Amino acid sequence: MMWFEVMAFVIAALVVVKLAVVLTNPRKWMVVVRAVYGNPRVSQVVAAVLAAASLWYLLKIMSIVHIFAVLFFLSMVMVVGACAYGRELVSFAERMLKEKDIVQRSWLAIVIWLALSLWALWQIFAA
């Protein structure tokens, strides 16, 4: 199995396991939610390292523009799911915007998204 097939296998298997658990016993999935989000600093570092590693591998076979096209697809799939919780998400967003430290809490994600977006735009328009 090639490395990109391993990446695809991992995410596909996680999706199938999550759906199986959530459809049969939704409360059981909270074990995973608490493990991942209960210690956000560790999870954030682990996720950032995995993101960097996967980006490094993906850039061997595709451009940042291709990756952003895939991100568009994935974002639309996520919006389909999130729309079922539209009111709750709007309420959550309003609560987040009231926090004074929203930028300080989100700085790593902001830097990553800004850098990758500028890179993609540069590749689209300057290359």
N, C-alpha and C. Protein backbone atom coordinates (compact mmCIF):
# COMPACT_ATOMS: atom_id res chain seq x y z
N MET A 1 0.85 -1.18 0.00
CA MET A 1 0.00 0.00 0.00
C MET A 1 0.90 1.24 0.00
N MET A 2 0.60 2.19 -0.87
CA MET A 2 1.36 3.44 -0.96
C MET A 2 1.00 4.34 0.22
N TRP A 3 1.86 5.30 0.54
CA TRP A 3 1.64 6.16 1.70
C TRP A 3 0.34 6.94 1.62
N PHE A 4 -0.04 7.40 0.41
CA PHE A 4 -1.29 8.14 0.30
C PHE A 4 -2.49 7.22 0.45
N GLU A 5 -2.32 5.95 0.11
CA GLU A 5 -3.39 4.97 0.35
C GLU A 5 -3.52 4.69 1.85
N VAL A 6 -2.40 4.71 2.56
CA VAL A 6 -2.45 4.54 4.02
C VAL A 6 -3.21 5.72 4.64
N MET A 7 -2.92 6.93 4.19
CA MET A 7 -3.62 8.10 4.70
C MET A 7 -5.12 7.98 4.41
N ALA A 8 -5.47 7.60 3.21
CA ALA A 8 -6.87 7.44 2.83
C ALA A 8 -7.53 6.33 3.65
N PHE A 9 -6.81 5.24 3.85
CA PHE A 9 -7.34 4.13 4.65
C PHE A 9 -7.62 4.58 6.08
N VAL A 10 -6.68 5.30 6.68
CA VAL A 10 -6.86 5.74 8.07
C VAL A 10 -8.10 6.60 8.21
N ILE A 11 -8.28 7.59 7.34
CA ILE A 11 -9.44 8.48 7.48
C ILE A 11 -10.73 7.73 7.15
N ALA A 12 -10.71 6.86 6.14
CA ALA A 12 -11.92 6.10 5.79
C ALA A 12 -12.31 5.15 6.93
N ALA A 13 -11.32 4.49 7.53
CA ALA A 13 -11.60 3.59 8.65
C ALA A 13 -12.13 4.36 9.85
N LEU A 14 -11.54 5.52 10.14
CA LEU A 14 -12.03 6.34 11.25
C LEU A 14 -13.47 6.78 11.02
N VAL A 15 -13.80 7.16 9.81
CA VAL A 15 -15.17 7.58 9.49
C VAL A 15 -16.14 6.42 9.71
N VAL A 16 -15.80 5.25 9.20
CA VAL A 16 -16.68 4.08 9.35
C VAL A 16 -16.85 3.71 10.82
N VAL A 17 -15.76 3.70 11.58
CA VAL A 17 -15.84 3.38 13.02
C VAL A 17 -16.68 4.43 13.74
N LYS A 18 -16.43 5.71 13.46
CA LYS A 18 -17.20 6.77 14.12
C LYS A 18 -18.68 6.62 13.81
N LEU A 19 -19.02 6.43 12.55
CA LEU A 19 -20.44 6.29 12.19
C LEU A 19 -21.06 5.07 12.85
N ALA A 20 -20.34 3.98 12.90
CA ALA A 20 -20.86 2.76 13.55
C ALA A 20 -21.13 3.02 15.02
N VAL A 21 -20.20 3.69 15.69
CA VAL A 21 -20.37 3.97 17.12
C VAL A 21 -21.50 4.96 17.34
N VAL A 22 -21.50 6.06 16.58
CA VAL A 22 -22.51 7.10 16.76
C VAL A 22 -23.91 6.58 16.43
N LEU A 23 -24.03 5.73 15.43
CA LEU A 23 -25.35 5.19 15.07
C LEU A 23 -25.86 4.15 16.06
N THR A 24 -24.95 3.48 16.76
CA THR A 24 -25.38 2.43 17.70
C THR A 24 -25.42 2.91 19.14
N ASN A 25 -24.46 3.75 19.53
CA ASN A 25 -24.39 4.22 20.91
C ASN A 25 -23.70 5.59 20.92
N PRO A 26 -24.44 6.66 20.62
CA PRO A 26 -23.84 7.99 20.49
C PRO A 26 -23.04 8.44 21.72
N ARG A 27 -23.50 8.10 22.90
CA ARG A 27 -22.79 8.53 24.12
C ARG A 27 -21.39 7.91 24.22
N LYS A 28 -21.22 6.75 23.63
CA LYS A 28 -19.92 6.08 23.68
C LYS A 28 -18.86 6.88 22.92
N TRP A 29 -19.27 7.64 21.91
CA TRP A 29 -18.33 8.43 21.13
C TRP A 29 -17.73 9.55 21.99
N MET A 30 -18.40 9.92 23.07
CA MET A 30 -17.89 10.97 23.95
C MET A 30 -16.54 10.59 24.56
N VAL A 31 -16.25 9.31 24.66
CA VAL A 31 -14.93 8.89 25.14
C VAL A 31 -13.85 9.47 24.22
N VAL A 32 -14.07 9.37 22.93
CA VAL A 32 -13.12 9.90 21.95
C VAL A 32 -13.09 11.42 22.00
N VAL A 33 -14.27 12.03 22.06
CA VAL A 33 -14.37 13.49 22.10
C VAL A 33 -13.60 14.03 23.30
N ARG A 34 -13.81 13.42 24.46
CA ARG A 34 -13.10 13.87 25.67
C ARG A 34 -11.60 13.65 25.56
N ALA A 35 -11.20 12.53 24.96
CA ALA A 35 -9.77 12.25 24.81
C ALA A 35 -9.10 13.27 23.90
N VAL A 36 -9.76 13.64 22.81
CA VAL A 36 -9.17 14.57 21.85
C VAL A 36 -9.25 16.01 22.34
N TYR A 37 -10.42 16.45 22.78
CA TYR A 37 -10.62 17.85 23.14
C TYR A 37 -10.45 18.14 24.62
N GLY A 38 -10.32 17.10 25.43
CA GLY A 38 -10.13 17.29 26.86
C GLY A 38 -8.77 17.85 27.20
N ASN A 39 -7.79 17.62 26.34
CA ASN A 39 -6.45 18.16 26.51
C ASN A 39 -6.08 18.87 25.22
N PRO A 40 -6.62 20.07 25.00
CA PRO A 40 -6.46 20.73 23.71
C PRO A 40 -5.04 21.06 23.32
N ARG A 41 -4.18 21.36 24.27
CA ARG A 41 -2.79 21.68 23.92
C ARG A 41 -2.09 20.50 23.27
N VAL A 42 -2.21 19.34 23.87
CA VAL A 42 -1.58 18.13 23.32
C VAL A 42 -2.20 17.79 21.97
N SER A 43 -3.53 17.80 21.90
CA SER A 43 -4.22 17.48 20.65
C SER A 43 -3.85 18.46 19.55
N GLN A 44 -3.70 19.73 19.90
CA GLN A 44 -3.35 20.73 18.90
C GLN A 44 -1.95 20.48 18.34
N VAL A 45 -1.02 20.16 19.20
CA VAL A 45 0.35 19.88 18.74
C VAL A 45 0.38 18.62 17.88
N VAL A 46 -0.29 17.56 18.34
CA VAL A 46 -0.33 16.31 17.58
C VAL A 46 -0.97 16.55 16.21
N ALA A 47 -2.09 17.26 16.18
CA ALA A 47 -2.78 17.53 14.92
C ALA A 47 -1.91 18.38 13.99
N ALA A 48 -1.21 19.37 14.53
CA ALA A 48 -0.35 20.22 13.71
C ALA A 48 0.80 19.42 13.11
N VAL A 49 1.39 18.54 13.90
CA VAL A 49 2.48 17.69 13.40
C VAL A 49 1.96 16.75 12.31
N LEU A 50 0.82 16.12 12.55
CA LEU A 50 0.24 15.24 11.53
C LEU A 50 -0.15 16.01 10.27
N ALA A 51 -0.67 17.22 10.44
CA ALA A 51 -1.01 18.06 9.28
C ALA A 51 0.24 18.39 8.48
N ALA A 52 1.30 18.77 9.17
CA ALA A 52 2.55 19.11 8.47
C ALA A 52 3.12 17.90 7.74
N ALA A 53 3.10 16.75 8.40
CA ALA A 53 3.62 15.53 7.78
C ALA A 53 2.78 15.14 6.56
N SER A 54 1.46 15.19 6.70
CA SER A 54 0.62 14.82 5.57
C SER A 54 0.76 15.82 4.43
N LEU A 55 0.90 17.11 4.76
CA LEU A 55 1.12 18.11 3.71
C LEU A 55 2.42 17.83 2.98
N TRP A 56 3.47 17.52 3.72
CA TRP A 56 4.77 17.23 3.11
C TRP A 56 4.65 16.07 2.12
N TYR A 57 3.97 15.01 2.53
CA TYR A 57 3.78 13.86 1.64
C TYR A 57 2.90 14.21 0.45
N LEU A 58 1.81 14.92 0.69
CA LEU A 58 0.89 15.26 -0.40
C LEU A 58 1.55 16.15 -1.45
N LEU A 59 2.42 17.04 -1.00
CA LEU A 59 3.09 17.93 -1.96
C LEU A 59 4.05 17.20 -2.88
N LYS A 60 4.35 15.95 -2.59
CA LYS A 60 5.18 15.14 -3.47
C LYS A 60 4.41 14.69 -4.72
N ILE A 61 3.06 14.65 -4.60
CA ILE A 61 2.27 14.16 -5.72
C ILE A 61 1.25 15.18 -6.25
N MET A 62 1.08 16.29 -5.55
CA MET A 62 0.13 17.31 -6.01
C MET A 62 0.56 18.68 -5.52
N SER A 63 -0.05 19.70 -6.08
CA SER A 63 0.29 21.07 -5.71
C SER A 63 -0.62 21.55 -4.58
N ILE A 64 -0.26 22.68 -4.00
CA ILE A 64 -1.10 23.29 -2.96
C ILE A 64 -2.46 23.67 -3.55
N VAL A 65 -2.51 23.98 -4.82
CA VAL A 65 -3.78 24.30 -5.48
C VAL A 65 -4.68 23.06 -5.51
N HIS A 66 -4.12 21.91 -5.83
CA HIS A 66 -4.90 20.67 -5.82
C HIS A 66 -5.41 20.38 -4.40
N ILE A 67 -4.55 20.60 -3.43
CA ILE A 67 -4.95 20.35 -2.04
C ILE A 67 -6.11 21.27 -1.66
N PHE A 68 -6.06 22.53 -2.07
CA PHE A 68 -7.15 23.45 -1.77
C PHE A 68 -8.44 23.08 -2.51
N ALA A 69 -8.33 22.51 -3.69
CA ALA A 69 -9.53 22.02 -4.38
C ALA A 69 -10.17 20.89 -3.58
N VAL A 70 -9.36 20.01 -3.02
CA VAL A 70 -9.88 18.94 -2.16
C VAL A 70 -10.48 19.53 -0.89
N LEU A 71 -9.83 20.57 -0.35
CA LEU A 71 -10.38 21.25 0.83
C LEU A 71 -11.76 21.85 0.53
N PHE A 72 -11.95 22.37 -0.68
CA PHE A 72 -13.26 22.91 -1.06
C PHE A 72 -14.31 21.80 -1.00
N PHE A 73 -13.99 20.66 -1.59
CA PHE A 73 -14.91 19.53 -1.57
C PHE A 73 -15.23 19.11 -0.13
N LEU A 74 -14.19 18.92 0.66
CA LEU A 74 -14.38 18.50 2.05
C LEU A 74 -15.19 19.53 2.84
N SER A 75 -14.91 20.80 2.62
CA SER A 75 -15.66 21.86 3.31
C SER A 75 -17.14 21.79 2.97
N MET A 76 -17.46 21.54 1.72
CA MET A 76 -18.88 21.46 1.34
C MET A 76 -19.56 20.25 1.97
N VAL A 77 -18.86 19.14 2.07
CA VAL A 77 -19.41 17.96 2.75
C VAL A 77 -19.64 18.28 4.22
N MET A 78 -18.71 19.00 4.84
CA MET A 78 -18.86 19.36 6.25
C MET A 78 -20.03 20.34 6.45
N VAL A 79 -20.22 21.26 5.51
CA VAL A 79 -21.34 22.20 5.61
C VAL A 79 -22.67 21.44 5.54
N VAL A 80 -22.73 20.44 4.68
CA VAL A 80 -23.96 19.62 4.59
C VAL A 80 -24.31 19.06 5.97
N GLY A 81 -23.33 18.53 6.66
CA GLY A 81 -23.57 17.97 7.99
C GLY A 81 -23.85 19.04 9.03
N ALA A 82 -23.11 20.15 8.97
CA ALA A 82 -23.25 21.21 9.97
C ALA A 82 -24.59 21.93 9.86
N CYS A 83 -25.17 21.97 8.68
CA CYS A 83 -26.45 22.67 8.50
C CYS A 83 -27.56 22.07 9.36
N ALA A 84 -27.44 20.80 9.70
CA ALA A 84 -28.44 20.18 10.57
C ALA A 84 -28.42 20.81 11.97
N TYR A 85 -27.33 21.48 12.32
CA TYR A 85 -27.17 22.12 13.62
C TYR A 85 -26.98 23.62 13.47
N GLY A 86 -27.61 24.20 12.46
CA GLY A 86 -27.41 25.61 12.14
C GLY A 86 -27.65 26.55 13.30
N ARG A 87 -28.78 26.41 13.98
CA ARG A 87 -29.08 27.33 15.09
C ARG A 87 -28.07 27.20 16.21
N GLU A 88 -27.72 25.97 16.53
CA GLU A 88 -26.73 25.75 17.60
C GLU A 88 -25.37 26.33 17.22
N LEU A 89 -24.99 26.19 15.95
CA LEU A 89 -23.70 26.71 15.50
C LEU A 89 -23.68 28.23 15.50
N VAL A 90 -24.80 28.85 15.11
CA VAL A 90 -24.88 30.32 15.15
C VAL A 90 -24.76 30.80 16.60
N SER A 91 -25.46 30.14 17.51
CA SER A 91 -25.38 30.50 18.92
C SER A 91 -23.96 30.32 19.45
N PHE A 92 -23.32 29.22 19.10
CA PHE A 92 -21.94 28.96 19.51
C PHE A 92 -21.01 30.04 18.96
N ALA A 93 -21.17 30.41 17.69
CA ALA A 93 -20.32 31.43 17.08
C ALA A 93 -20.51 32.78 17.77
N GLU A 94 -21.74 33.11 18.11
CA GLU A 94 -22.01 34.37 18.81
C GLU A 94 -21.32 34.38 20.18
N ARG A 95 -21.35 33.24 20.88
CA ARG A 95 -20.67 33.16 22.18
C ARG A 95 -19.17 33.30 22.01
N MET A 96 -18.62 32.67 20.99
CA MET A 96 -17.17 32.76 20.74
C MET A 96 -16.76 34.20 20.46
N LEU A 97 -17.55 34.92 19.69
CA LEU A 97 -17.20 36.29 19.33
C LEU A 97 -17.22 37.23 20.53
N LYS A 98 -17.91 36.86 21.59
CA LYS A 98 -17.95 37.67 22.81
C LYS A 98 -16.67 37.51 23.63
N GLU A 99 -15.92 36.45 23.38
CA GLU A 99 -14.69 36.22 24.12
C GLU A 99 -13.63 37.23 23.70
N LYS A 100 -12.93 37.74 24.68
CA LYS A 100 -11.90 38.74 24.39
C LYS A 100 -10.61 38.11 23.89
N ASP A 101 -10.41 36.82 24.17
CA ASP A 101 -9.15 36.17 23.80
C ASP A 101 -9.29 35.23 22.61
N ILE A 102 -10.26 35.49 21.75
CA ILE A 102 -10.52 34.58 20.63
C ILE A 102 -9.31 34.46 19.70
N VAL A 103 -8.62 35.56 19.43
CA VAL A 103 -7.45 35.51 18.55
C VAL A 103 -6.30 34.78 19.24
N GLN A 104 -6.08 35.06 20.52
CA GLN A 104 -5.00 34.39 21.25
C GLN A 104 -5.24 32.88 21.31
N ARG A 105 -6.48 32.46 21.47
CA ARG A 105 -6.79 31.04 21.54
C ARG A 105 -6.68 30.36 20.18
N SER A 106 -6.86 31.12 19.12
CA SER A 106 -6.91 30.56 17.77
C SER A 106 -5.69 30.90 16.93
N TRP A 107 -4.65 31.47 17.52
CA TRP A 107 -3.54 32.00 16.74
C TRP A 107 -2.88 30.96 15.84
N LEU A 108 -2.71 29.73 16.33
CA LEU A 108 -2.02 28.72 15.51
C LEU A 108 -2.83 28.39 14.25
N ALA A 109 -4.12 28.18 14.42
CA ALA A 109 -4.97 27.90 13.26
C ALA A 109 -5.00 29.08 12.29
N ILE A 110 -5.04 30.30 12.84
CA ILE A 110 -5.05 31.49 12.00
C ILE A 110 -3.77 31.57 11.17
N VAL A 111 -2.65 31.35 11.80
CA VAL A 111 -1.36 31.41 11.09
C VAL A 111 -1.29 30.33 10.00
N ILE A 112 -1.71 29.12 10.35
CA ILE A 112 -1.67 28.02 9.37
C ILE A 112 -2.57 28.32 8.18
N TRP A 113 -3.83 28.70 8.44
CA TRP A 113 -4.76 28.99 7.35
C TRP A 113 -4.30 30.17 6.50
N LEU A 114 -3.80 31.21 7.14
CA LEU A 114 -3.34 32.37 6.38
C LEU A 114 -2.15 32.01 5.50
N ALA A 115 -1.17 31.31 6.05
CA ALA A 115 0.01 30.93 5.27
C ALA A 115 -0.36 30.03 4.09
N LEU A 116 -1.17 29.01 4.36
CA LEU A 116 -1.56 28.09 3.28
C LEU A 116 -2.41 28.79 2.22
N SER A 117 -3.31 29.66 2.64
CA SER A 117 -4.17 30.39 1.69
C SER A 117 -3.36 31.33 0.82
N LEU A 118 -2.43 32.07 1.44
CA LEU A 118 -1.58 32.96 0.65
C LEU A 118 -0.72 32.17 -0.33
N TRP A 119 -0.23 31.03 0.10
CA TRP A 119 0.56 30.15 -0.78
C TRP A 119 -0.28 29.69 -1.96
N ALA A 120 -1.51 29.24 -1.69
CA ALA A 120 -2.39 28.78 -2.77
C ALA A 120 -2.71 29.93 -3.74
N LEU A 121 -3.02 31.10 -3.20
CA LEU A 121 -3.31 32.25 -4.06
C LEU A 121 -2.10 32.64 -4.90
N TRP A 122 -0.93 32.60 -4.28
CA TRP A 122 0.29 32.90 -5.02
C TRP A 122 0.49 31.92 -6.16
N GLN A 123 0.25 30.63 -5.91
CA GLN A 123 0.41 29.60 -6.94
C GLN A 123 -0.62 29.79 -8.06
N ILE A 124 -1.82 30.20 -7.71
CA ILE A 124 -2.87 30.38 -8.72
C ILE A 124 -2.56 31.58 -9.61
N PHE A 125 -2.16 32.70 -9.01
CA PHE A 125 -2.05 33.94 -9.76
C PHE A 125 -0.64 34.33 -10.19
N ALA A 126 0.38 33.86 -9.49
CA ALA A 126 1.73 34.28 -9.80
C ALA A 126 2.53 33.22 -10.54
N ALA A 127 2.13 32.00 -10.43
CA ALA A 127 2.93 30.92 -11.04
C ALA A 127 2.49 30.61 -12.45
